[in-house]
């Protein structure tokens, strides 16, 4: 590795005027100076563009690009396309970095001979002073490689994207971020699993290098579907496996229950959403029963039965469970299945 390689920092921004100055300031304050900041405006309707363009006149390392709103995966892929560095870091337009973030991680990625390093972050609301704050994650320090690491990631996303430094080559070779709108609050999680599946090596460090801002307009806080999208991200990775259903049931049970509880049962698409989530959770046979069950149960009853069944009745088929749970469901279901 050259002594001071260029690091490209990709920053998607959507209506980010309130916080983006502070985020960019944390980049300009880095002790490591060989960086470029690629800001991708994801169709903002506020004065995000004006603020970034003004800062780019003060610092030529700041680059501004615009796209029609396409969400995070598409914005990050556009940033990747225009990036010139051999290394890639990510920072959202409302988060911040510690001044030594890049310096520490460019040394670490070389020292550990890995393709991606990540650290920890504090959560904050107003003050971005990265001291004495609540940690975002519990980071298990060490190497993440191969099937063992991938299985750990099936449980949950272990990497805060704002703490990542990775080789550009590794990200490009797995075709970057998914632009599938169904997982656009878990597109980073999906990328980490793709990289591990392709044999790339990670190293996790527990030091705090970033600050994650908690506020009501952030992409994840305003998206109750995050658990569903995380489930679908794992499903997309596992579905090519010959024993995918078994693996999904093993790793996704708690996430499945969480995802089911995020579905709006007043929605007209309730049955479609339930089928999609059950399939993603490895319960294809259950998904086939949801349509017939909707004939004999109302939405609240289906919601209760599925959650109760998945929690307590996993040694029975859903139909057996329904029969035992409520005889009236049995009588109506029996009439249906006799047709």
C-alpha atoms as a PDB file:
ATOM      1  CA  UNK A   1       0.000   0.000   0.000  1.00  0.00           C
ATOM      2  CA  UNK A   2       1.245   3.489  -0.802  1.00  0.00           C
ATOM      3  CA  UNK A   3       2.090   5.615   2.198  1.00  0.00           C
ATOM      4  CA  UNK A   4      -0.935   7.908   1.881  1.00  0.00           C
ATOM      5  CA  UNK A   5      -3.522   6.333  -0.433  1.00  0.00           C
ATOM      6  CA  UNK A   6      -6.578   8.315  -1.446  1.00  0.00           C
ATOM      7  CA  UNK A   7      -9.734   7.508   0.523  1.00  0.00           C
ATOM      8  CA  UNK A   8     -13.070   8.227  -1.151  1.00  0.00           C
ATOM      9  CA  UNK A   9     -15.837   9.080   1.285  1.00  0.00           C
ATOM     10  CA  UNK A  10     -19.340   8.472  -0.034  1.00  0.00           C
ATOM     11  CA  UNK A  11     -22.105  10.597   1.493  1.00  0.00           C
ATOM     12  CA  UNK A  12     -25.697  10.148   0.285  1.00  0.00           C
ATOM     13  CA  UNK A  13     -27.815  13.186   1.155  1.00  0.00           C
ATOM     14  CA  UNK A  14     -31.561  13.660   1.064  1.00  0.00           C
ATOM     15  CA  UNK A  15     -33.002  16.911   2.455  1.00  0.00           C
ATOM     16  CA  UNK A  16     -29.951  17.049   4.707  1.00  0.00           C
ATOM     17  CA  UNK A  17     -29.548  20.822   5.078  1.00  0.00           C
ATOM     18  CA  UNK A  18     -30.083  20.755   8.832  1.00  0.00           C
ATOM     19  CA  UNK A  19     -27.079  18.568   9.630  1.00  0.00           C
ATOM     20  CA  UNK A  20     -24.832  18.235   6.573  1.00  0.00           C
ATOM     21  CA  UNK A  21     -22.510  21.124   7.490  1.00  0.00           C
ATOM     22  CA  UNK A  22     -21.587  19.408  10.744  1.00  0.00           C
ATOM     23  CA  UNK A  23     -21.077  16.084   8.974  1.00  0.00           C
ATOM     24  CA  UNK A  24     -18.791  17.631   6.353  1.00  0.00           C
ATOM     25  CA  UNK A  25     -16.918  19.569   9.045  1.00  0.00           C
ATOM     26  CA  UNK A  26     -16.085  16.256  10.738  1.00  0.00           C
ATOM     27  CA  UNK A  27     -14.564  15.068   7.436  1.00  0.00           C
ATOM     28  CA  UNK A  28     -12.575  18.262   6.921  1.00  0.00           C
ATOM     29  CA  UNK A  29     -11.255  17.911  10.483  1.00  0.00           C
ATOM     30  CA  UNK A  30      -9.660  14.527   9.786  1.00  0.00           C
ATOM     31  CA  UNK A  31      -5.999  14.217  10.716  1.00  0.00           C
ATOM     32  CA  UNK A  32      -5.630  12.102   7.549  1.00  0.00           C
ATOM     33  CA  UNK A  33      -5.684  14.542   4.639  1.00  0.00           C
ATOM     34  CA  UNK A  34      -5.668  12.349   1.504  1.00  0.00           C
ATOM     35  CA  UNK A  35      -9.406  12.071   0.996  1.00  0.00           C
ATOM     36  CA  UNK A  36     -12.161  13.133  -1.366  1.00  0.00           C
ATOM     37  CA  UNK A  37     -15.765  13.554  -0.290  1.00  0.00           C
ATOM     38  CA  UNK A  38     -18.326  12.409  -2.884  1.00  0.00           C
ATOM     39  CA  UNK A  39     -21.706  13.845  -1.917  1.00  0.00           C
ATOM     40  CA  UNK A  40     -24.635  12.325  -3.813  1.00  0.00           C
ATOM     41  CA  UNK A  41     -27.766  14.436  -3.533  1.00  0.00           C
ATOM     42  CA  UNK A  42     -30.628  11.937  -3.706  1.00  0.00           C
ATOM     43  CA  UNK A  43     -33.247  14.317  -5.093  1.00  0.00           C
ATOM     44  CA  UNK A  44     -33.320  16.813  -2.197  1.00  0.00           C
ATOM     45  CA  UNK A  45     -35.969  19.534  -2.234  1.00  0.00           C
ATOM     46  CA  UNK A  46     -34.327  21.720   0.428  1.00  0.00           C
ATOM     47  CA  UNK A  47     -31.082  23.733   0.094  1.00  0.00           C
ATOM     48  CA  UNK A  48     -28.730  20.747   0.460  1.00  0.00           C
ATOM     49  CA  UNK A  49     -27.256  21.419  -3.003  1.00  0.00           C
ATOM     50  CA  UNK A  50     -26.533  25.079  -2.217  1.00  0.00           C
ATOM     51  CA  UNK A  51     -24.746  24.212   1.043  1.00  0.00           C
ATOM     52  CA  UNK A  52     -22.572  21.482  -0.484  1.00  0.00           C
ATOM     53  CA  UNK A  53     -21.657  23.539  -3.552  1.00  0.00           C
ATOM     54  CA  UNK A  54     -20.645  26.451  -1.318  1.00  0.00           C
ATOM     55  CA  UNK A  55     -18.376  24.151   0.707  1.00  0.00           C
ATOM     56  CA  UNK A  56     -16.901  22.659  -2.474  1.00  0.00           C
ATOM     57  CA  UNK A  57     -15.681  26.149  -3.432  1.00  0.00           C
ATOM     58  CA  UNK A  58     -13.798  26.303  -0.134  1.00  0.00           C
ATOM     59  CA  UNK A  59     -12.396  22.767  -0.390  1.00  0.00           C
ATOM     60  CA  UNK A  60     -11.814  21.175  -3.807  1.00  0.00           C
ATOM     61  CA  UNK A  61     -11.800  17.713  -2.223  1.00  0.00           C
ATOM     62  CA  UNK A  62     -15.594  17.993  -1.872  1.00  0.00           C
ATOM     63  CA  UNK A  63     -17.486  16.815  -4.975  1.00  0.00           C
ATOM     64  CA  UNK A  64     -21.233  17.197  -5.570  1.00  0.00           C
ATOM     65  CA  UNK A  65     -23.415  14.942  -7.732  1.00  0.00           C
ATOM     66  CA  UNK A  66     -27.179  14.840  -8.154  1.00  0.00           C
ATOM     67  CA  UNK A  67     -29.616  12.024  -8.926  1.00  0.00           C
ATOM     68  CA  UNK A  68     -33.387  11.716  -8.945  1.00  0.00           C
ATOM     69  CA  UNK A  69     -34.520  10.135  -5.689  1.00  0.00           C
ATOM     70  CA  UNK A  70     -33.460   6.499  -5.824  1.00  0.00           C
ATOM     71  CA  UNK A  71     -32.714   5.732  -2.166  1.00  0.00           C
ATOM     72  CA  UNK A  72     -29.498   4.805  -0.390  1.00  0.00           C
ATOM     73  CA  UNK A  73     -28.247   1.865  -2.474  1.00  0.00           C
ATOM     74  CA  UNK A  74     -28.458   3.747  -5.747  1.00  0.00           C
ATOM     75  CA  UNK A  75     -26.886   6.886  -4.242  1.00  0.00           C
ATOM     76  CA  UNK A  76     -23.961   4.947  -2.793  1.00  0.00           C
ATOM     77  CA  UNK A  77     -23.419   3.112  -6.084  1.00  0.00           C
ATOM     78  CA  UNK A  78     -23.286   6.439  -7.933  1.00  0.00           C
ATOM     79  CA  UNK A  79     -20.744   7.663  -5.378  1.00  0.00           C
ATOM     80  CA  UNK A  80     -18.757   4.481  -5.931  1.00  0.00           C
ATOM     81  CA  UNK A  81     -18.829   5.096  -9.687  1.00  0.00           C
ATOM     82  CA  UNK A  82     -17.356   8.588  -9.350  1.00  0.00           C
ATOM     83  CA  UNK A  83     -14.886   7.747  -6.569  1.00  0.00           C
ATOM     84  CA  UNK A  84     -11.171   7.797  -7.400  1.00  0.00           C
ATOM     85  CA  UNK A  85      -9.690   6.311  -4.242  1.00  0.00           C
ATOM     86  CA  UNK A  86      -8.509   2.743  -3.648  1.00  0.00           C
ATOM     87  CA  UNK A  87     -10.309   2.804  -0.313  1.00  0.00           C
ATOM     88  CA  UNK A  88     -13.937   3.649   0.453  1.00  0.00           C
ATOM     89  CA  UNK A  89     -15.537   5.039   3.605  1.00  0.00           C
ATOM     90  CA  UNK A  90     -19.168   5.906   4.228  1.00  0.00           C
ATOM     91  CA  UNK A  91     -20.743   8.743   6.154  1.00  0.00           C
ATOM     92  CA  UNK A  92     -24.395   9.741   6.106  1.00  0.00           C
ATOM     93  CA  UNK A  93     -25.227  13.425   5.943  1.00  0.00           C
ATOM     94  CA  UNK A  94     -26.396  13.615   9.556  1.00  0.00           C
ATOM     95  CA  UNK A  95     -23.597  11.636  11.268  1.00  0.00           C
ATOM     96  CA  UNK A  96     -20.051  12.591  12.297  1.00  0.00           C
ATOM     97  CA  UNK A  97     -16.563  11.142  12.650  1.00  0.00           C
ATOM     98  CA  UNK A  98     -13.872  11.457  15.290  1.00  0.00           C
ATOM     99  CA  UNK A  99     -10.865  13.432  13.930  1.00  0.00           C
ATOM    100  CA  UNK A 100      -8.611  10.344  13.854  1.00  0.00           C
ATOM    101  CA  UNK A 101     -11.108   7.976  12.203  1.00  0.00           C
ATOM    102  CA  UNK A 102      -9.427   7.655   8.806  1.00  0.00           C
ATOM    103  CA  UNK A 103      -5.907   7.739  10.228  1.00  0.00           C
ATOM    104  CA  UNK A 104      -6.614   4.857  12.610  1.00  0.00           C
ATOM    105  CA  UNK A 105      -8.407   2.738  10.061  1.00  0.00           C
ATOM    106  CA  UNK A 106      -6.037   3.109   7.114  1.00  0.00           C
ATOM    107  CA  UNK A 107      -3.273   1.806   9.409  1.00  0.00           C
ATOM    108  CA  UNK A 108      -5.505  -0.975  10.728  1.00  0.00           C
ATOM    109  CA  UNK A 109      -6.609  -2.279   7.322  1.00  0.00           C
ATOM    110  CA  UNK A 110      -2.950  -2.537   6.285  1.00  0.00           C
ATOM    111  CA  UNK A 111      -1.771  -4.014   9.570  1.00  0.00           C
ATOM    112  CA  UNK A 112      -4.478  -6.722   9.629  1.00  0.00           C
ATOM    113  CA  UNK A 113      -4.282  -7.454   5.864  1.00  0.00           C
ATOM    114  CA  UNK A 114      -8.058  -7.409   5.480  1.00  0.00           C
ATOM    115  CA  UNK A 115     -10.552  -6.000   2.986  1.00  0.00           C
ATOM    116  CA  UNK A 116     -12.773  -4.144   5.448  1.00  0.00           C
ATOM    117  CA  UNK A 117     -12.392  -2.735   8.933  1.00  0.00           C
ATOM    118  CA  UNK A 118     -15.093  -1.325  11.168  1.00  0.00           C
ATOM    119  CA  UNK A 119     -15.408   0.148  14.627  1.00  0.00           C
ATOM    120  CA  UNK A 120     -18.038   1.428  17.005  1.00  0.00           C
ATOM    121  CA  UNK A 121     -20.092   4.602  17.254  1.00  0.00           C
ATOM    122  CA  UNK A 122     -21.828   6.617  19.925  1.00  0.00           C
ATOM    123  CA  UNK A 123     -25.452   7.616  19.627  1.00  0.00           C
ATOM    124  CA  UNK A 124     -26.227  11.295  20.084  1.00  0.00           C
ATOM    125  CA  UNK A 125     -29.084  13.736  19.536  1.00  0.00           C
ATOM    126  CA  UNK A 126     -27.710  17.272  19.824  1.00  0.00           C
ATOM    127  CA  UNK A 127     -24.105  17.369  21.038  1.00  0.00           C
ATOM    128  CA  UNK A 128     -21.762  15.434  18.765  1.00  0.00           C
ATOM    129  CA  UNK A 129     -18.950  15.383  21.324  1.00  0.00           C
ATOM    130  CA  UNK A 130     -17.980  11.701  21.106  1.00  0.00           C
ATOM    131  CA  UNK A 131     -17.487  11.145  24.812  1.00  0.00           C
ATOM    132  CA  UNK A 132     -19.632   9.524  27.492  1.00  0.00           C
ATOM    133  CA  UNK A 133     -22.407   8.583  25.102  1.00  0.00           C
ATOM    134  CA  UNK A 134     -24.410   5.395  24.637  1.00  0.00           C
ATOM    135  CA  UNK A 135     -22.690   2.925  22.329  1.00  0.00           C
ATOM    136  CA  UNK A 136     -24.489   2.068  19.109  1.00  0.00           C
ATOM    137  CA  UNK A 137     -23.357  -1.592  19.043  1.00  0.00           C
ATOM    138  CA  UNK A 138     -21.469  -4.119  21.088  1.00  0.00           C
ATOM    139  CA  UNK A 139     -18.513  -4.860  18.809  1.00  0.00           C
ATOM    140  CA  UNK A 140     -16.881  -8.267  19.044  1.00  0.00           C
ATOM    141  CA  UNK A 141     -13.253  -7.431  18.339  1.00  0.00           C
ATOM    142  CA  UNK A 142     -11.331  -9.626  15.915  1.00  0.00           C
ATOM    143  CA  UNK A 143     -11.379 -11.166  12.445  1.00  0.00           C
ATOM    144  CA  UNK A 144     -14.572 -12.022  10.560  1.00  0.00           C
ATOM    145  CA  UNK A 145     -13.871 -14.569   7.836  1.00  0.00           C
ATOM    146  CA  UNK A 146     -15.764 -17.259   5.945  1.00  0.00           C
ATOM    147  CA  UNK A 147     -18.799 -19.296   6.957  1.00  0.00           C
ATOM    148  CA  UNK A 148     -18.293 -18.744  10.685  1.00  0.00           C
ATOM    149  CA  UNK A 149     -18.466 -14.978  10.224  1.00  0.00           C
ATOM    150  CA  UNK A 150     -21.369 -15.180   7.793  1.00  0.00           C
ATOM    151  CA  UNK A 151     -23.395 -17.208  10.283  1.00  0.00           C
ATOM    152  CA  UNK A 152     -22.826 -14.516  12.891  1.00  0.00           C
ATOM    153  CA  UNK A 153     -24.184 -11.948  10.467  1.00  0.00           C
ATOM    154  CA  UNK A 154     -27.330 -13.977   9.841  1.00  0.00           C
ATOM    155  CA  UNK A 155     -28.320 -13.112  13.415  1.00  0.00           C
ATOM    156  CA  UNK A 156     -28.087  -9.335  12.953  1.00  0.00           C
ATOM    157  CA  UNK A 157     -26.133  -6.561  11.249  1.00  0.00           C
ATOM    158  CA  UNK A 158     -22.916  -6.191  13.238  1.00  0.00           C
ATOM    159  CA  UNK A 159     -21.433  -3.267  11.309  1.00  0.00           C
ATOM    160  CA  UNK A 160     -22.416   0.407  11.591  1.00  0.00           C
ATOM    161  CA  UNK A 161     -21.797   1.676   8.058  1.00  0.00           C
ATOM    162  CA  UNK A 162     -20.471   5.024   9.289  1.00  0.00           C
ATOM    163  CA  UNK A 163     -17.533   3.167  10.898  1.00  0.00           C
ATOM    164  CA  UNK A 164     -16.409   1.251   7.783  1.00  0.00           C
ATOM    165  CA  UNK A 165     -13.256   1.532   5.698  1.00  0.00           C
ATOM    166  CA  UNK A 166     -13.022  -0.974   2.835  1.00  0.00           C
ATOM    167  CA  UNK A 167     -11.099  -1.606  -0.346  1.00  0.00           C
ATOM    168  CA  UNK A 168     -12.906  -0.286  -3.397  1.00  0.00           C
ATOM    169  CA  UNK A 169     -11.940  -3.375  -5.359  1.00  0.00           C
ATOM    170  CA  UNK A 170     -13.802  -5.729  -3.003  1.00  0.00           C
ATOM    171  CA  UNK A 171     -17.026  -3.698  -3.156  1.00  0.00           C
ATOM    172  CA  UNK A 172     -16.907  -3.356  -6.938  1.00  0.00           C
ATOM    173  CA  UNK A 173     -16.314  -7.088  -7.432  1.00  0.00           C
ATOM    174  CA  UNK A 174     -19.564  -7.973  -5.598  1.00  0.00           C
ATOM    175  CA  UNK A 175     -21.433  -5.349  -7.667  1.00  0.00           C
ATOM    176  CA  UNK A 176     -21.793  -2.800  -4.890  1.00  0.00           C
ATOM    177  CA  UNK A 177     -25.032  -2.135  -3.054  1.00  0.00           C
ATOM    178  CA  UNK A 178     -28.377  -3.668  -3.874  1.00  0.00           C
ATOM    179  CA  UNK A 179     -30.787  -1.148  -5.368  1.00  0.00           C
ATOM    180  CA  UNK A 180     -33.771  -3.375  -4.599  1.00  0.00           C
ATOM    181  CA  UNK A 181     -36.295  -1.030  -2.970  1.00  0.00           C
ATOM    182  CA  UNK A 182     -37.500  -3.797  -0.658  1.00  0.00           C
ATOM    183  CA  UNK A 183     -34.231  -3.668   1.309  1.00  0.00           C
ATOM    184  CA  UNK A 184     -33.295   0.010   1.147  1.00  0.00           C
ATOM    185  CA  UNK A 185     -32.850   0.318   4.887  1.00  0.00           C
ATOM    186  CA  UNK A 186     -30.758  -2.858   5.009  1.00  0.00           C
ATOM    187  CA  UNK A 187     -28.696  -2.421   1.842  1.00  0.00           C
ATOM    188  CA  UNK A 188     -25.490  -2.051   3.854  1.00  0.00           C
ATOM    189  CA  UNK A 189     -26.230  -5.246   5.811  1.00  0.00           C
ATOM    190  CA  UNK A 190     -26.822  -7.014   2.499  1.00  0.00           C
ATOM    191  CA  UNK A 191     -23.439  -5.804   1.190  1.00  0.00           C
ATOM    192  CA  UNK A 192     -21.516  -7.064   4.232  1.00  0.00           C
ATOM    193  CA  UNK A 193     -23.026 -10.531   3.766  1.00  0.00           C
ATOM    194  CA  UNK A 194     -22.231 -10.494   0.029  1.00  0.00           C
ATOM    195  CA  UNK A 195     -18.612  -9.627   0.795  1.00  0.00           C
ATOM    196  CA  UNK A 196     -18.267 -12.415   3.374  1.00  0.00           C
ATOM    197  CA  UNK A 197     -19.982 -14.866   1.038  1.00  0.00           C
ATOM    198  CA  UNK A 198     -17.427 -13.942  -1.656  1.00  0.00           C
ATOM    199  CA  UNK A 199     -14.529 -14.693   0.712  1.00  0.00           C
ATOM    200  CA  UNK A 200     -13.467 -11.185   1.752  1.00  0.00           C
ATOM    201  CA  UNK A 201     -11.970 -10.649   5.200  1.00  0.00           C
ATOM    202  CA  UNK A 202     -13.141  -8.181   7.866  1.00  0.00           C
ATOM    203  CA  UNK A 203     -11.650  -6.923  11.095  1.00  0.00           C
ATOM    204  CA  UNK A 204     -13.760  -5.404  13.855  1.00  0.00           C
ATOM    205  CA  UNK A 205     -12.260  -2.950  16.330  1.00  0.00           C
ATOM    206  CA  UNK A 206     -14.167  -1.816  19.402  1.00  0.00           C
ATOM    207  CA  UNK A 207     -12.771   1.734  19.411  1.00  0.00           C
ATOM    208  CA  UNK A 208     -15.310   4.507  18.861  1.00  0.00           C
ATOM    209  CA  UNK A 209     -14.658   6.315  15.586  1.00  0.00           C
ATOM    210  CA  UNK A 210     -18.050   7.831  14.759  1.00  0.00           C
ATOM    211  CA  UNK A 211     -21.203   9.440  16.065  1.00  0.00           C
ATOM    212  CA  UNK A 212     -24.651   8.270  14.960  1.00  0.00           C
ATOM    213  CA  UNK A 213     -27.287  10.990  15.175  1.00  0.00           C
ATOM    214  CA  UNK A 214     -30.696   9.918  16.469  1.00  0.00           C
ATOM    215  CA  UNK A 215     -33.520  12.064  15.099  1.00  0.00           C
ATOM    216  CA  UNK A 216     -37.001  11.651  13.674  1.00  0.00           C
ATOM    217  CA  UNK A 217     -36.179  12.331  10.023  1.00  0.00           C
ATOM    218  CA  UNK A 218     -33.335   9.841   9.539  1.00  0.00           C
ATOM    219  CA  UNK A 219     -33.892   7.072   6.984  1.00  0.00           C
ATOM    220  CA  UNK A 220     -33.953   4.272   9.543  1.00  0.00           C
ATOM    221  CA  UNK A 221     -35.919   6.017  12.291  1.00  0.00           C
ATOM    222  CA  UNK A 222     -38.672   6.911   9.849  1.00  0.00           C
ATOM    223  CA  UNK A 223     -38.866   3.374   8.444  1.00  0.00           C
ATOM    224  CA  UNK A 224     -40.730   0.874  10.632  1.00  0.00           C
ATOM    225  CA  UNK A 225     -40.069  -1.750   7.941  1.00  0.00           C
ATOM    226  CA  UNK A 226     -36.366  -2.083   8.851  1.00  0.00           C
ATOM    227  CA  UNK A 227     -36.869  -5.510  10.552  1.00  0.00           C
ATOM    228  CA  UNK A 228     -38.728  -6.755   7.458  1.00  0.00           C
ATOM    229  CA  UNK A 229     -36.013  -5.422   5.165  1.00  0.00           C
ATOM    230  CA  UNK A 230     -33.284  -7.062   7.263  1.00  0.00           C
ATOM    231  CA  UNK A 231     -35.154 -10.353   6.993  1.00  0.00           C
ATOM    232  CA  UNK A 232     -35.432  -9.967   3.220  1.00  0.00           C
ATOM    233  CA  UNK A 233     -31.717  -9.116   2.992  1.00  0.00           C
ATOM    234  CA  UNK A 234     -30.783 -12.374   4.731  1.00  0.00           C
ATOM    235  CA  UNK A 235     -33.254 -14.270   2.562  1.00  0.00           C
ATOM    236  CA  UNK A 236     -31.674 -12.859  -0.586  1.00  0.00           C
ATOM    237  CA  UNK A 237     -28.251 -14.085   0.553  1.00  0.00           C
ATOM    238  CA  UNK A 238     -29.465 -17.508   1.691  1.00  0.00           C
ATOM    239  CA  UNK A 239     -31.981 -18.377  -1.004  1.00  0.00           C
ATOM    240  CA  UNK A 240     -29.290 -19.801  -3.279  1.00  0.00           C
ATOM    241  CA  UNK A 241     -28.331 -22.350  -0.618  1.00  0.00           C
ATOM    242  CA  UNK A 242     -29.635 -25.915  -0.950  1.00  0.00           C
ATOM    243  CA  UNK A 243     -30.704 -25.906   2.720  1.00  0.00           C
ATOM    244  CA  UNK A 244     -31.841 -22.286   2.765  1.00  0.00           C
ATOM    245  CA  UNK A 245     -35.153 -22.959   4.521  1.00  0.00           C
ATOM    246  CA  UNK A 246     -33.411 -24.739   7.388  1.00  0.00           C
ATOM    247  CA  UNK A 247     -30.816 -21.977   7.720  1.00  0.00           C
ATOM    248  CA  UNK A 248     -33.461 -19.247   7.595  1.00  0.00           C
ATOM    249  CA  UNK A 249     -35.452 -20.896  10.371  1.00  0.00           C
ATOM    250  CA  UNK A 250     -32.322 -21.287  12.460  1.00  0.00           C
ATOM    251  CA  UNK A 251     -31.068 -17.714  12.188  1.00  0.00           C
ATOM    252  CA  UNK A 252     -34.178 -15.670  11.547  1.00  0.00           C
ATOM    253  CA  UNK A 253     -36.778 -16.740  14.092  1.00  0.00           C
ATOM    254  CA  UNK A 254     -36.607 -13.717  16.409  1.00  0.00           C
ATOM    255  CA  UNK A 255     -36.240 -11.376  13.457  1.00  0.00           C
ATOM    256  CA  UNK A 256     -39.235 -13.056  11.806  1.00  0.00           C
ATOM    257  CA  UNK A 257     -41.445 -12.362  14.823  1.00  0.00           C
ATOM    258  CA  UNK A 258     -40.218  -8.771  14.946  1.00  0.00           C
ATOM    259  CA  UNK A 259     -40.865  -8.327  11.232  1.00  0.00           C
ATOM    260  CA  UNK A 260     -44.367  -9.799  11.430  1.00  0.00           C
ATOM    261  CA  UNK A 261     -45.210  -7.338  14.170  1.00  0.00           C
ATOM    262  CA  UNK A 262     -44.167  -4.422  11.943  1.00  0.00           C
ATOM    263  CA  UNK A 263     -46.782  -5.238   9.298  1.00  0.00           C
ATOM    264  CA  UNK A 264     -49.753  -2.904   9.272  1.00  0.00           C
ATOM    265  CA  UNK A 265     -52.714  -5.242   9.715  1.00  0.00           C
ATOM    266  CA  UNK A 266     -55.081  -2.526   8.491  1.00  0.00           C
ATOM    267  CA  UNK A 267     -53.346  -2.510   5.108  1.00  0.00           C
ATOM    268  CA  UNK A 268     -55.040  -3.920   2.031  1.00  0.00           C
ATOM    269  CA  UNK A 269     -51.725  -5.686   1.295  1.00  0.00           C
ATOM    270  CA  UNK A 270     -51.689  -7.427   4.673  1.00  0.00           C
ATOM    271  CA  UNK A 271     -51.851 -10.974   3.258  1.00  0.00           C
ATOM    272  CA  UNK A 272     -49.218 -10.231   0.594  1.00  0.00           C
ATOM    273  CA  UNK A 273     -46.856  -8.774   3.217  1.00  0.00           C
ATOM    274  CA  UNK A 274     -47.369 -11.759   5.530  1.00  0.00           C
ATOM    275  CA  UNK A 275     -46.617 -14.211   2.740  1.00  0.00           C
ATOM    276  CA  UNK A 276     -43.479 -12.310   1.739  1.00  0.00           C
ATOM    277  CA  UNK A 277     -42.156 -12.171   5.299  1.00  0.00           C
ATOM    278  CA  UNK A 278     -42.929 -15.824   6.047  1.00  0.00           C
ATOM    279  CA  UNK A 279     -41.137 -16.925   2.871  1.00  0.00           C
ATOM    280  CA  UNK A 280     -38.145 -14.742   3.778  1.00  0.00           C
ATOM    281  CA  UNK A 281     -38.153 -16.314   7.237  1.00  0.00           C
ATOM    282  CA  UNK A 282     -38.026 -19.838   5.853  1.00  0.00           C
ATOM    283  CA  UNK A 283     -41.687 -20.704   6.383  1.00  0.00           C
ATOM    284  CA  UNK A 284     -42.827 -21.319   2.816  1.00  0.00           C
ATOM    285  CA  UNK A 285     -45.424 -23.893   3.880  1.00  0.00           C
ATOM    286  CA  UNK A 286     -46.956 -21.413   6.328  1.00  0.00           C
ATOM    287  CA  UNK A 287     -47.121 -18.742   3.656  1.00  0.00           C
ATOM    288  CA  UNK A 288     -49.307 -21.057   1.550  1.00  0.00           C
ATOM    289  CA  UNK A 289     -51.838 -21.306   4.383  1.00  0.00           C
ATOM    290  CA  UNK A 290     -52.238 -17.566   4.911  1.00  0.00           C
ATOM    291  CA  UNK A 291     -54.687 -17.134   2.018  1.00  0.00           C
ATOM    292  CA  UNK A 292     -57.025 -19.932   3.173  1.00  0.00           C
ATOM    293  CA  UNK A 293     -56.682 -18.808   6.779  1.00  0.00           C
ATOM    294  CA  UNK A 294     -57.839 -15.333   5.812  1.00  0.00           C
ATOM    295  CA  UNK A 295     -61.202 -16.825   4.828  1.00  0.00           C
ATOM    296  CA  UNK A 296     -61.881 -18.128   8.325  1.00  0.00           C
ATOM    297  CA  UNK A 297     -60.056 -15.505  10.434  1.00  0.00           C
ATOM    298  CA  UNK A 298     -59.972 -11.744  10.527  1.00  0.00           C
ATOM    299  CA  UNK A 299     -56.650  -9.908  10.362  1.00  0.00           C
ATOM    300  CA  UNK A 300     -56.223  -9.566  14.119  1.00  0.00           C
ATOM    301  CA  UNK A 301     -56.889 -13.282  14.600  1.00  0.00           C
ATOM    302  CA  UNK A 302     -54.344 -14.174  11.908  1.00  0.00           C
ATOM    303  CA  UNK A 303     -51.816 -11.882  13.547  1.00  0.00           C
ATOM    304  CA  UNK A 304     -52.406 -13.460  16.955  1.00  0.00           C
ATOM    305  CA  UNK A 305     -52.409 -17.041  15.662  1.00  0.00           C
ATOM    306  CA  UNK A 306     -49.211 -16.683  13.651  1.00  0.00           C
ATOM    307  CA  UNK A 307     -47.269 -15.001  16.429  1.00  0.00           C
ATOM    308  CA  UNK A 308     -48.537 -17.467  19.029  1.00  0.00           C
ATOM    309  CA  UNK A 309     -47.901 -20.424  16.733  1.00  0.00           C
ATOM    310  CA  UNK A 310     -44.358 -19.356  15.877  1.00  0.00           C
ATOM    311  CA  UNK A 311     -43.630 -18.796  19.565  1.00  0.00           C
ATOM    312  CA  UNK A 312     -45.253 -21.902  21.062  1.00  0.00           C
ATOM    313  CA  UNK A 313     -46.518 -24.308  18.459  1.00  0.00           C
ATOM    314  CA  UNK A 314     -43.530 -25.116  16.303  1.00  0.00           C
ATOM    315  CA  UNK A 315     -43.926 -28.893  16.772  1.00  0.00           C
ATOM    316  CA  UNK A 316     -47.311 -28.799  15.046  1.00  0.00           C
ATOM    317  CA  UNK A 317     -48.495 -27.781  11.627  1.00  0.00           C
ATOM    318  CA  UNK A 318     -50.332 -24.482  11.571  1.00  0.00           C
ATOM    319  CA  UNK A 319     -53.590 -26.274  10.777  1.00  0.00           C
ATOM    320  CA  UNK A 320     -53.135 -28.620  13.753  1.00  0.00           C
ATOM    321  CA  UNK A 321     -52.429 -25.630  15.920  1.00  0.00           C
ATOM    322  CA  UNK A 322     -55.510 -23.778  14.695  1.00  0.00           C
ATOM    323  CA  UNK A 323     -57.653 -26.848  15.343  1.00  0.00           C
ATOM    324  CA  UNK A 324     -56.408 -27.104  18.919  1.00  0.00           C
ATOM    325  CA  UNK A 325     -56.579 -23.386  19.535  1.00  0.00           C
ATOM    326  CA  UNK A 326     -60.129 -22.766  18.455  1.00  0.00           C
ATOM    327  CA  UNK A 327     -62.723 -25.294  17.307  1.00  0.00           C
ATOM    328  CA  UNK A 328     -64.635 -22.772  15.274  1.00  0.00           C
ATOM    329  CA  UNK A 329     -61.528 -22.181  13.144  1.00  0.00           C
ATOM    330  CA  UNK A 330     -61.318 -25.929  12.674  1.00  0.00           C
ATOM    331  CA  UNK A 331     -64.888 -26.257  11.442  1.00  0.00           C
ATOM    332  CA  UNK A 332     -64.503 -23.450   8.934  1.00  0.00           C
ATOM    333  CA  UNK A 333     -61.054 -24.592   7.821  1.00  0.00           C
ATOM    334  CA  UNK A 334     -62.334 -28.148   7.376  1.00  0.00           C
ATOM    335  CA  UNK A 335     -65.111 -26.908   5.121  1.00  0.00           C
ATOM    336  CA  UNK A 336     -62.563 -24.976   3.071  1.00  0.00           C
ATOM    337  CA  UNK A 337     -60.119 -27.835   2.707  1.00  0.00           C
ATOM    338  CA  UNK A 338     -62.881 -30.245   1.693  1.00  0.00           C
ATOM    339  CA  UNK A 339     -63.706 -28.073  -1.327  1.00  0.00           C
END
